[in-house]
């Protein structure tokens, strides 16, 4: 009986791989982690992801209907707890109607003010808004899901990216 189950287990693993590679599931990951609003630190030559270096994270109230926007520069005033975009200040932890939709700026749990790079680049932050479907497609292109061996019921998950913490968060959420 166990010999006959071998093919059933393989089929279950293949099904799980398909589920993990589904766009719908990845869109949920993107929305839960707010990956539709990536943050960056502007450099002279290269722009660096600010996933762990930005003092805030941006959440969209309606992530399915956000517009595509590139490079919205902002400043964060920690003392006042405000984000400034184009001479307009927005409080932290409140939904605000911006020209980019209903957004909320929340403290980044990974941000540590003691980080030297974060101190040096404190006014050179920007964010983009990317539709969740497009972000999910980009992440699925970086994702690798394979059975650990031909007869194994274990799946190996890996992701390529420049920020290890972001990759770990994606895999954990998935």
N, C-alpha and C. Protein backbone atom coordinates (compact mmCIF):
# COMPACT_ATOMS: atom_id res chain seq x y z
N UNK A 1 0.83 -1.20 0.00
CA UNK A 1 0.00 0.00 0.00
C UNK A 1 0.87 1.26 0.00
N UNK A 2 1.96 1.21 0.75
CA UNK A 2 2.82 2.39 0.80
C UNK A 2 3.46 2.67 -0.55
N UNK A 3 3.76 1.61 -1.31
CA UNK A 3 4.36 1.79 -2.63
C UNK A 3 3.40 2.53 -3.55
N UNK A 4 2.13 2.24 -3.43
CA UNK A 4 1.14 2.93 -4.26
C UNK A 4 0.99 4.40 -3.85
N UNK A 5 1.20 4.70 -2.59
CA UNK A 5 1.06 6.06 -2.08
C UNK A 5 2.20 6.96 -2.55
N UNK A 6 3.29 6.35 -2.99
CA UNK A 6 4.45 7.14 -3.42
C UNK A 6 4.05 8.14 -4.51
N UNK A 7 3.25 7.72 -5.46
CA UNK A 7 2.84 8.61 -6.53
C UNK A 7 1.87 9.68 -6.01
N UNK A 8 1.04 9.31 -5.04
CA UNK A 8 0.12 10.27 -4.45
C UNK A 8 0.86 11.37 -3.72
N UNK A 9 1.91 11.03 -2.99
CA UNK A 9 2.72 12.03 -2.29
C UNK A 9 3.39 12.96 -3.28
N UNK A 10 3.92 12.39 -4.37
CA UNK A 10 4.56 13.23 -5.39
C UNK A 10 3.55 14.21 -5.98
N UNK A 11 2.34 13.74 -6.19
CA UNK A 11 1.30 14.60 -6.74
C UNK A 11 0.96 15.71 -5.75
N UNK A 12 0.93 15.39 -4.46
CA UNK A 12 0.66 16.40 -3.43
C UNK A 12 1.75 17.48 -3.42
N UNK A 13 3.01 17.05 -3.56
CA UNK A 13 4.11 18.01 -3.60
C UNK A 13 3.98 18.91 -4.82
N UNK A 14 3.66 18.33 -5.97
CA UNK A 14 3.47 19.13 -7.19
C UNK A 14 2.33 20.12 -7.01
N UNK A 15 1.26 19.68 -6.36
CA UNK A 15 0.13 20.58 -6.11
C UNK A 15 0.55 21.74 -5.21
N UNK A 16 1.32 21.42 -4.17
CA UNK A 16 1.78 22.48 -3.25
C UNK A 16 2.69 23.48 -3.95
N UNK A 17 3.54 22.99 -4.84
CA UNK A 17 4.41 23.89 -5.61
C UNK A 17 3.55 24.83 -6.45
N UNK A 18 2.53 24.30 -7.09
CA UNK A 18 1.63 25.13 -7.91
C UNK A 18 0.91 26.18 -7.06
N UNK A 19 0.47 25.77 -5.88
CA UNK A 19 -0.22 26.72 -4.99
C UNK A 19 0.74 27.83 -4.57
N UNK A 20 1.96 27.47 -4.19
CA UNK A 20 2.93 28.47 -3.75
C UNK A 20 3.34 29.42 -4.88
N UNK A 21 3.22 28.98 -6.12
CA UNK A 21 3.58 29.82 -7.27
C UNK A 21 2.38 30.59 -7.82
N UNK A 22 1.26 30.51 -7.15
CA UNK A 22 0.06 31.17 -7.69
C UNK A 22 0.14 32.69 -7.51
N UNK A 23 -0.37 33.40 -8.50
CA UNK A 23 -0.37 34.87 -8.45
C UNK A 23 -1.27 35.38 -7.34
N UNK A 24 -2.37 34.71 -7.10
CA UNK A 24 -3.31 35.14 -6.07
C UNK A 24 -2.66 35.12 -4.69
N UNK A 25 -1.96 34.03 -4.40
CA UNK A 25 -1.28 33.92 -3.10
C UNK A 25 -0.19 34.97 -2.97
N UNK A 26 0.58 35.19 -4.05
CA UNK A 26 1.65 36.19 -3.99
C UNK A 26 1.08 37.60 -3.86
N UNK A 27 -0.06 37.87 -4.46
CA UNK A 27 -0.69 39.18 -4.29
C UNK A 27 -1.05 39.42 -2.83
N UNK A 28 -1.51 38.39 -2.14
CA UNK A 28 -1.81 38.51 -0.70
C UNK A 28 -0.54 38.81 0.09
N UNK A 29 0.55 38.16 -0.26
CA UNK A 29 1.84 38.43 0.40
C UNK A 29 2.23 39.89 0.17
N UNK A 30 2.11 40.36 -1.07
CA UNK A 30 2.46 41.74 -1.41
C UNK A 30 1.62 42.72 -0.59
N UNK A 31 0.33 42.46 -0.47
CA UNK A 31 -0.55 43.36 0.29
C UNK A 31 -0.25 43.30 1.78
N UNK A 32 -0.03 42.11 2.32
CA UNK A 32 0.24 41.97 3.75
C UNK A 32 1.54 42.64 4.17
N UNK A 33 2.55 42.58 3.30
CA UNK A 33 3.85 43.17 3.61
C UNK A 33 4.03 44.58 3.03
N UNK A 34 3.00 45.09 2.35
CA UNK A 34 3.01 46.44 1.76
C UNK A 34 4.17 46.60 0.76
N UNK A 35 4.42 45.56 -0.02
CA UNK A 35 5.51 45.58 -0.99
C UNK A 35 5.17 46.37 -2.23
N UNK A 36 3.93 46.80 -2.35
CA UNK A 36 3.50 47.64 -3.48
C UNK A 36 4.02 49.06 -3.33
N UNK A 37 4.59 49.39 -2.18
CA UNK A 37 5.13 50.73 -1.93
C UNK A 37 6.60 50.62 -1.49
N UNK A 38 7.48 50.23 -2.43
CA UNK A 38 8.89 50.09 -2.03
C UNK A 38 9.52 51.44 -1.71
N UNK A 39 10.41 51.42 -0.74
CA UNK A 39 11.11 52.62 -0.30
C UNK A 39 12.58 52.52 -0.68
N UNK A 40 13.16 53.67 -1.00
CA UNK A 40 14.55 53.69 -1.45
C UNK A 40 15.29 54.85 -0.80
N UNK A 41 16.62 54.70 -0.78
CA UNK A 41 17.51 55.80 -0.42
C UNK A 41 18.21 56.19 -1.70
N UNK A 42 18.13 57.46 -2.04
CA UNK A 42 18.73 57.94 -3.27
C UNK A 42 20.22 58.14 -3.07
N UNK A 43 20.99 57.55 -3.96
CA UNK A 43 22.44 57.71 -3.93
C UNK A 43 22.90 58.47 -5.15
N UNK A 44 24.18 58.79 -5.18
CA UNK A 44 24.71 59.51 -6.35
C UNK A 44 24.64 58.67 -7.61
N UNK A 45 24.95 57.39 -7.47
CA UNK A 45 24.97 56.51 -8.63
C UNK A 45 23.87 55.45 -8.54
N UNK A 46 23.75 54.87 -7.38
CA UNK A 46 22.82 53.74 -7.19
C UNK A 46 21.76 54.10 -6.15
N UNK A 47 20.56 53.63 -6.39
CA UNK A 47 19.48 53.79 -5.42
C UNK A 47 19.38 52.48 -4.64
N UNK A 48 19.37 52.60 -3.33
CA UNK A 48 19.39 51.43 -2.46
C UNK A 48 18.03 51.20 -1.83
N UNK A 49 17.62 49.96 -1.74
CA UNK A 49 16.37 49.64 -1.07
C UNK A 49 16.44 50.08 0.38
N UNK A 50 15.38 50.69 0.86
CA UNK A 50 15.33 51.17 2.25
C UNK A 50 14.36 50.32 3.07
N UNK A 51 14.20 49.05 2.69
CA UNK A 51 13.27 48.16 3.38
C UNK A 51 13.53 48.15 4.89
N UNK A 52 14.81 48.12 5.28
CA UNK A 52 15.15 48.14 6.71
C UNK A 52 15.75 49.48 7.13
N UNK A 53 15.98 50.40 6.18
CA UNK A 53 16.65 51.66 6.47
C UNK A 53 15.72 52.86 6.56
N UNK A 54 14.49 52.72 6.09
CA UNK A 54 13.54 53.83 6.13
C UNK A 54 12.86 53.89 7.51
N UNK A 55 12.63 55.09 8.02
CA UNK A 55 11.95 55.20 9.32
C UNK A 55 10.45 54.86 9.25
N UNK A 56 9.90 54.84 8.03
CA UNK A 56 8.47 54.56 7.89
C UNK A 56 8.22 53.49 6.85
N UNK A 57 7.02 52.94 6.90
CA UNK A 57 6.48 52.04 5.88
C UNK A 57 5.20 52.69 5.38
N UNK A 58 4.91 52.52 4.11
CA UNK A 58 3.72 53.14 3.53
C UNK A 58 2.68 52.06 3.25
N UNK A 59 1.49 52.30 3.75
CA UNK A 59 0.37 51.39 3.54
C UNK A 59 -0.68 52.12 2.71
N UNK A 60 -1.27 51.41 1.76
CA UNK A 60 -2.38 51.95 0.97
C UNK A 60 -3.67 51.32 1.48
N UNK A 61 -4.68 52.15 1.69
CA UNK A 61 -5.96 51.64 2.17
C UNK A 61 -6.61 50.73 1.13
N UNK A 62 -6.42 51.08 -0.15
CA UNK A 62 -6.99 50.31 -1.25
C UNK A 62 -5.85 49.92 -2.20
N UNK A 63 -5.06 48.92 -1.83
CA UNK A 63 -3.88 48.60 -2.64
C UNK A 63 -4.19 48.12 -4.06
N UNK A 64 -5.41 47.64 -4.28
CA UNK A 64 -5.76 47.19 -5.64
C UNK A 64 -6.00 48.35 -6.59
N UNK A 65 -6.17 49.55 -6.06
CA UNK A 65 -6.47 50.68 -6.94
C UNK A 65 -5.45 51.82 -6.83
N UNK A 66 -4.23 51.50 -6.38
CA UNK A 66 -3.22 52.56 -6.32
C UNK A 66 -2.69 52.86 -7.72
N UNK A 67 -2.36 54.11 -7.97
CA UNK A 67 -1.79 54.46 -9.27
C UNK A 67 -0.31 54.08 -9.32
N UNK A 68 0.21 53.87 -10.50
CA UNK A 68 1.66 53.66 -10.65
C UNK A 68 2.34 55.01 -10.52
N UNK A 69 3.28 55.10 -9.59
CA UNK A 69 3.98 56.36 -9.34
C UNK A 69 5.46 56.04 -9.12
N UNK A 70 6.33 56.84 -9.71
CA UNK A 70 7.78 56.67 -9.51
C UNK A 70 8.34 57.83 -8.71
N UNK A 71 9.22 57.51 -7.82
CA UNK A 71 10.04 58.47 -7.08
C UNK A 71 9.28 59.64 -6.46
N UNK A 72 8.55 59.35 -5.43
CA UNK A 72 7.91 60.40 -4.62
C UNK A 72 8.85 60.66 -3.45
N UNK A 73 9.53 61.77 -3.49
CA UNK A 73 10.50 62.10 -2.43
C UNK A 73 9.76 62.58 -1.18
N UNK A 74 10.28 62.19 -0.03
CA UNK A 74 9.66 62.60 1.22
C UNK A 74 10.74 62.82 2.29
N UNK A 75 10.35 63.56 3.29
CA UNK A 75 11.20 63.77 4.46
C UNK A 75 10.41 63.32 5.68
N UNK A 76 11.12 62.77 6.64
CA UNK A 76 10.48 62.32 7.87
C UNK A 76 11.02 63.12 9.03
N UNK A 77 10.10 63.73 9.79
CA UNK A 77 10.46 64.47 10.99
C UNK A 77 10.06 63.62 12.19
N UNK A 78 11.04 62.95 12.75
CA UNK A 78 10.78 62.03 13.87
C UNK A 78 10.27 62.78 15.10
N UNK A 79 10.80 63.96 15.32
CA UNK A 79 10.41 64.74 16.51
C UNK A 79 8.92 65.09 16.47
N UNK A 80 8.43 65.47 15.28
CA UNK A 80 7.02 65.83 15.14
C UNK A 80 6.14 64.65 14.74
N UNK A 81 6.77 63.55 14.33
CA UNK A 81 6.01 62.39 13.87
C UNK A 81 5.23 62.68 12.60
N UNK A 82 5.91 63.36 11.65
CA UNK A 82 5.24 63.76 10.41
C UNK A 82 6.10 63.39 9.20
N UNK A 83 5.40 63.11 8.11
CA UNK A 83 6.03 62.86 6.83
C UNK A 83 5.69 64.04 5.94
N UNK A 84 6.70 64.58 5.26
CA UNK A 84 6.47 65.73 4.39
C UNK A 84 6.69 65.33 2.94
N UNK A 85 5.64 65.56 2.14
CA UNK A 85 5.70 65.29 0.70
C UNK A 85 5.24 66.55 -0.02
N UNK A 86 6.09 67.10 -0.86
CA UNK A 86 5.75 68.31 -1.62
C UNK A 86 5.16 69.42 -0.72
N UNK A 87 5.84 69.73 0.35
CA UNK A 87 5.44 70.80 1.28
C UNK A 87 4.12 70.54 2.01
N UNK A 88 3.64 69.31 2.00
CA UNK A 88 2.45 68.94 2.77
C UNK A 88 2.86 67.93 3.82
N UNK A 89 2.47 68.18 5.05
CA UNK A 89 2.81 67.27 6.15
C UNK A 89 1.67 66.31 6.44
N UNK A 90 2.03 65.06 6.70
CA UNK A 90 1.05 64.03 7.03
C UNK A 90 1.46 63.38 8.35
N UNK A 91 0.54 63.21 9.27
CA UNK A 91 0.87 62.57 10.54
C UNK A 91 1.11 61.07 10.36
N UNK A 92 1.85 60.51 11.28
CA UNK A 92 2.12 59.07 11.29
C UNK A 92 0.93 58.35 11.91
N UNK A 93 0.66 57.15 11.45
CA UNK A 93 -0.39 56.25 11.98
C UNK A 93 -1.82 56.73 11.73
N UNK A 94 -2.03 57.54 10.71
CA UNK A 94 -3.39 57.98 10.37
C UNK A 94 -3.58 57.87 8.86
N UNK A 95 -4.77 57.42 8.47
CA UNK A 95 -5.09 57.39 7.05
C UNK A 95 -5.24 58.83 6.56
N UNK A 96 -4.57 59.13 5.46
CA UNK A 96 -4.60 60.47 4.89
C UNK A 96 -4.91 60.40 3.41
N UNK A 97 -5.76 61.30 2.95
CA UNK A 97 -6.06 61.38 1.53
C UNK A 97 -4.96 62.19 0.86
N UNK A 98 -4.10 61.51 0.11
CA UNK A 98 -2.99 62.18 -0.58
C UNK A 98 -3.30 62.19 -2.08
N UNK A 99 -2.46 62.84 -2.83
CA UNK A 99 -2.65 62.83 -4.28
C UNK A 99 -2.34 61.46 -4.88
N UNK A 100 -1.87 60.52 -4.05
CA UNK A 100 -1.57 59.16 -4.48
C UNK A 100 -2.58 58.15 -3.95
N UNK A 101 -3.65 58.63 -3.35
CA UNK A 101 -4.67 57.77 -2.76
C UNK A 101 -4.65 57.84 -1.24
N UNK A 102 -5.44 57.00 -0.62
CA UNK A 102 -5.49 56.94 0.86
C UNK A 102 -4.27 56.17 1.36
N UNK A 103 -3.36 56.90 1.99
CA UNK A 103 -2.13 56.29 2.49
C UNK A 103 -2.01 56.49 3.99
N UNK A 104 -1.26 55.58 4.59
CA UNK A 104 -0.93 55.71 6.01
C UNK A 104 0.56 55.47 6.14
N UNK A 105 1.21 56.32 6.90
CA UNK A 105 2.64 56.21 7.15
C UNK A 105 2.82 55.66 8.56
N UNK A 106 3.42 54.49 8.66
CA UNK A 106 3.58 53.84 9.96
C UNK A 106 5.07 53.63 10.23
N UNK A 107 5.46 53.59 11.50
CA UNK A 107 6.87 53.35 11.82
C UNK A 107 7.34 52.00 11.29
N UNK A 108 8.53 51.98 10.74
CA UNK A 108 9.12 50.75 10.23
C UNK A 108 9.71 49.97 11.40
N UNK A 109 9.22 48.74 11.65
CA UNK A 109 9.72 47.98 12.80
C UNK A 109 11.19 47.58 12.64
N UNK A 110 11.73 47.62 11.44
CA UNK A 110 13.12 47.22 11.21
C UNK A 110 14.09 48.39 11.28
N UNK A 111 13.57 49.60 11.33
CA UNK A 111 14.42 50.79 11.32
C UNK A 111 15.09 50.98 12.67
N UNK A 112 16.39 51.21 12.60
CA UNK A 112 17.17 51.52 13.81
C UNK A 112 17.91 52.83 13.58
N UNK A 113 17.56 53.88 14.31
CA UNK A 113 18.18 55.20 14.08
C UNK A 113 19.70 55.18 14.24
N UNK A 114 20.22 54.18 14.92
CA UNK A 114 21.67 54.12 15.12
C UNK A 114 22.41 53.72 13.86
N UNK A 115 21.69 53.27 12.83
CA UNK A 115 22.32 52.87 11.58
C UNK A 115 22.97 54.09 10.92
N UNK A 116 24.27 54.03 10.69
CA UNK A 116 25.01 55.17 10.14
C UNK A 116 24.50 55.58 8.77
N UNK A 117 24.19 54.61 7.92
CA UNK A 117 23.70 54.95 6.58
C UNK A 117 22.37 55.67 6.67
N UNK A 118 21.51 55.24 7.58
CA UNK A 118 20.22 55.89 7.74
C UNK A 118 20.40 57.34 8.20
N UNK A 119 21.37 57.59 9.07
CA UNK A 119 21.62 58.96 9.54
C UNK A 119 22.13 59.84 8.40
N UNK A 120 23.08 59.30 7.63
CA UNK A 120 23.67 60.08 6.55
C UNK A 120 22.65 60.44 5.48
N UNK A 121 21.72 59.56 5.21
CA UNK A 121 20.79 59.73 4.10
C UNK A 121 19.38 60.09 4.56
N UNK A 122 19.25 60.72 5.70
CA UNK A 122 17.94 60.92 6.31
C UNK A 122 16.97 61.73 5.45
N UNK A 123 17.45 62.55 4.54
CA UNK A 123 16.54 63.36 3.74
C UNK A 123 16.47 62.92 2.28
N UNK A 124 17.08 61.79 1.95
CA UNK A 124 17.14 61.34 0.58
C UNK A 124 16.26 60.12 0.32
N UNK A 125 15.13 60.04 0.99
CA UNK A 125 14.23 58.90 0.82
C UNK A 125 13.21 59.20 -0.28
N UNK A 126 12.79 58.13 -0.94
CA UNK A 126 11.65 58.24 -1.83
C UNK A 126 10.94 56.89 -1.89
N UNK A 127 9.69 56.93 -2.33
CA UNK A 127 8.94 55.70 -2.49
C UNK A 127 8.30 55.69 -3.88
N UNK A 128 7.93 54.52 -4.29
CA UNK A 128 7.18 54.33 -5.53
C UNK A 128 5.91 53.58 -5.17
N UNK A 129 4.94 53.65 -6.03
CA UNK A 129 3.73 52.85 -5.88
C UNK A 129 3.59 52.00 -7.14
N UNK A 130 3.45 50.70 -6.92
CA UNK A 130 3.36 49.74 -8.01
C UNK A 130 2.12 48.89 -7.76
N UNK A 131 1.27 48.70 -8.76
CA UNK A 131 0.09 47.84 -8.56
C UNK A 131 0.50 46.48 -7.99
N UNK A 132 -0.31 45.96 -7.08
CA UNK A 132 0.00 44.70 -6.39
C UNK A 132 0.22 43.55 -7.37
N UNK A 133 -0.56 43.50 -8.44
CA UNK A 133 -0.41 42.41 -9.43
C UNK A 133 0.96 42.45 -10.08
N UNK A 134 1.41 43.64 -10.43
CA UNK A 134 2.72 43.78 -11.08
C UNK A 134 3.84 43.42 -10.10
N UNK A 135 3.72 43.85 -8.85
CA UNK A 135 4.71 43.51 -7.83
C UNK A 135 4.75 42.01 -7.61
N UNK A 136 3.58 41.37 -7.56
CA UNK A 136 3.51 39.92 -7.37
C UNK A 136 4.22 39.20 -8.52
N UNK A 137 4.02 39.67 -9.74
CA UNK A 137 4.68 39.06 -10.90
C UNK A 137 6.20 39.19 -10.79
N UNK A 138 6.67 40.35 -10.35
CA UNK A 138 8.11 40.57 -10.21
C UNK A 138 8.69 39.61 -9.17
N UNK A 139 8.00 39.47 -8.05
CA UNK A 139 8.50 38.60 -6.98
C UNK A 139 8.45 37.14 -7.40
N UNK A 140 7.40 36.74 -8.10
CA UNK A 140 7.32 35.35 -8.59
C UNK A 140 8.50 35.03 -9.51
N UNK A 141 8.98 36.02 -10.25
CA UNK A 141 10.15 35.81 -11.10
C UNK A 141 11.43 35.59 -10.32
N UNK A 142 11.46 36.03 -9.06
CA UNK A 142 12.64 35.86 -8.21
C UNK A 142 12.55 34.62 -7.33
N UNK A 143 11.38 33.99 -7.31
CA UNK A 143 11.10 32.88 -6.41
C UNK A 143 11.48 31.55 -7.05
N UNK A 144 12.08 30.67 -6.26
CA UNK A 144 12.44 29.34 -6.71
C UNK A 144 11.82 28.32 -5.76
N UNK A 145 10.94 27.47 -6.29
CA UNK A 145 10.26 26.46 -5.49
C UNK A 145 10.47 25.11 -6.16
N UNK A 146 11.16 24.22 -5.47
CA UNK A 146 11.43 22.89 -6.02
C UNK A 146 11.36 21.84 -4.91
N UNK A 147 10.97 20.61 -5.28
CA UNK A 147 11.05 19.52 -4.30
C UNK A 147 12.53 19.28 -3.97
N UNK A 148 12.83 18.93 -2.74
CA UNK A 148 14.23 18.75 -2.35
C UNK A 148 14.87 17.54 -3.02
N UNK A 149 14.07 16.54 -3.39
CA UNK A 149 14.53 15.40 -4.19
C UNK A 149 13.33 14.82 -4.92
N UNK A 150 13.58 13.86 -5.81
CA UNK A 150 12.51 13.31 -6.64
C UNK A 150 11.41 12.65 -5.81
N UNK A 151 11.79 11.96 -4.73
CA UNK A 151 10.78 11.25 -3.95
C UNK A 151 10.46 11.94 -2.63
N UNK A 152 10.94 13.13 -2.47
CA UNK A 152 10.74 13.83 -1.21
C UNK A 152 9.37 14.52 -1.17
N UNK A 153 8.88 14.66 0.03
CA UNK A 153 7.66 15.44 0.24
C UNK A 153 8.00 16.81 0.83
N UNK A 154 9.28 17.15 0.77
CA UNK A 154 9.77 18.43 1.29
C UNK A 154 10.04 19.36 0.11
N UNK A 155 9.69 20.62 0.28
CA UNK A 155 9.89 21.63 -0.77
C UNK A 155 10.95 22.62 -0.32
N UNK A 156 11.87 22.94 -1.22
CA UNK A 156 12.87 23.97 -0.96
C UNK A 156 12.38 25.29 -1.55
N UNK A 157 12.35 26.33 -0.73
CA UNK A 157 11.95 27.67 -1.16
C UNK A 157 13.17 28.58 -1.08
N UNK A 158 13.37 29.38 -2.13
CA UNK A 158 14.43 30.39 -2.08
C UNK A 158 13.98 31.57 -2.93
N UNK A 159 14.60 32.71 -2.65
CA UNK A 159 14.26 33.92 -3.39
C UNK A 159 15.53 34.73 -3.58
N UNK A 160 15.64 35.37 -4.73
CA UNK A 160 16.78 36.23 -5.01
C UNK A 160 16.37 37.67 -4.76
N UNK A 161 17.24 38.43 -4.15
CA UNK A 161 16.95 39.83 -3.90
C UNK A 161 18.11 40.50 -3.20
N UNK A 162 18.08 41.82 -3.20
CA UNK A 162 19.19 42.57 -2.61
C UNK A 162 19.08 42.74 -1.10
N UNK A 163 17.88 42.53 -0.54
CA UNK A 163 17.67 42.73 0.90
C UNK A 163 17.28 41.39 1.53
N UNK A 164 18.19 40.77 2.27
CA UNK A 164 17.89 39.46 2.86
C UNK A 164 16.65 39.46 3.76
N UNK A 165 16.44 40.50 4.54
CA UNK A 165 15.29 40.56 5.44
C UNK A 165 13.98 40.57 4.66
N UNK A 166 13.95 41.29 3.55
CA UNK A 166 12.76 41.33 2.71
C UNK A 166 12.47 39.93 2.14
N UNK A 167 13.50 39.27 1.65
CA UNK A 167 13.33 37.92 1.12
C UNK A 167 12.83 36.95 2.18
N UNK A 168 13.40 37.05 3.38
CA UNK A 168 12.95 36.18 4.49
C UNK A 168 11.49 36.48 4.84
N UNK A 169 11.12 37.74 4.85
CA UNK A 169 9.73 38.10 5.16
C UNK A 169 8.76 37.54 4.10
N UNK A 170 9.17 37.62 2.85
CA UNK A 170 8.32 37.10 1.77
C UNK A 170 8.14 35.59 1.93
N UNK A 171 9.23 34.87 2.14
CA UNK A 171 9.14 33.41 2.30
C UNK A 171 8.33 33.03 3.53
N UNK A 172 8.52 33.73 4.62
CA UNK A 172 7.75 33.44 5.83
C UNK A 172 6.27 33.72 5.64
N UNK A 173 5.93 34.79 4.97
CA UNK A 173 4.54 35.13 4.73
C UNK A 173 3.90 34.14 3.75
N UNK A 174 4.69 33.71 2.77
CA UNK A 174 4.18 32.74 1.79
C UNK A 174 3.86 31.42 2.47
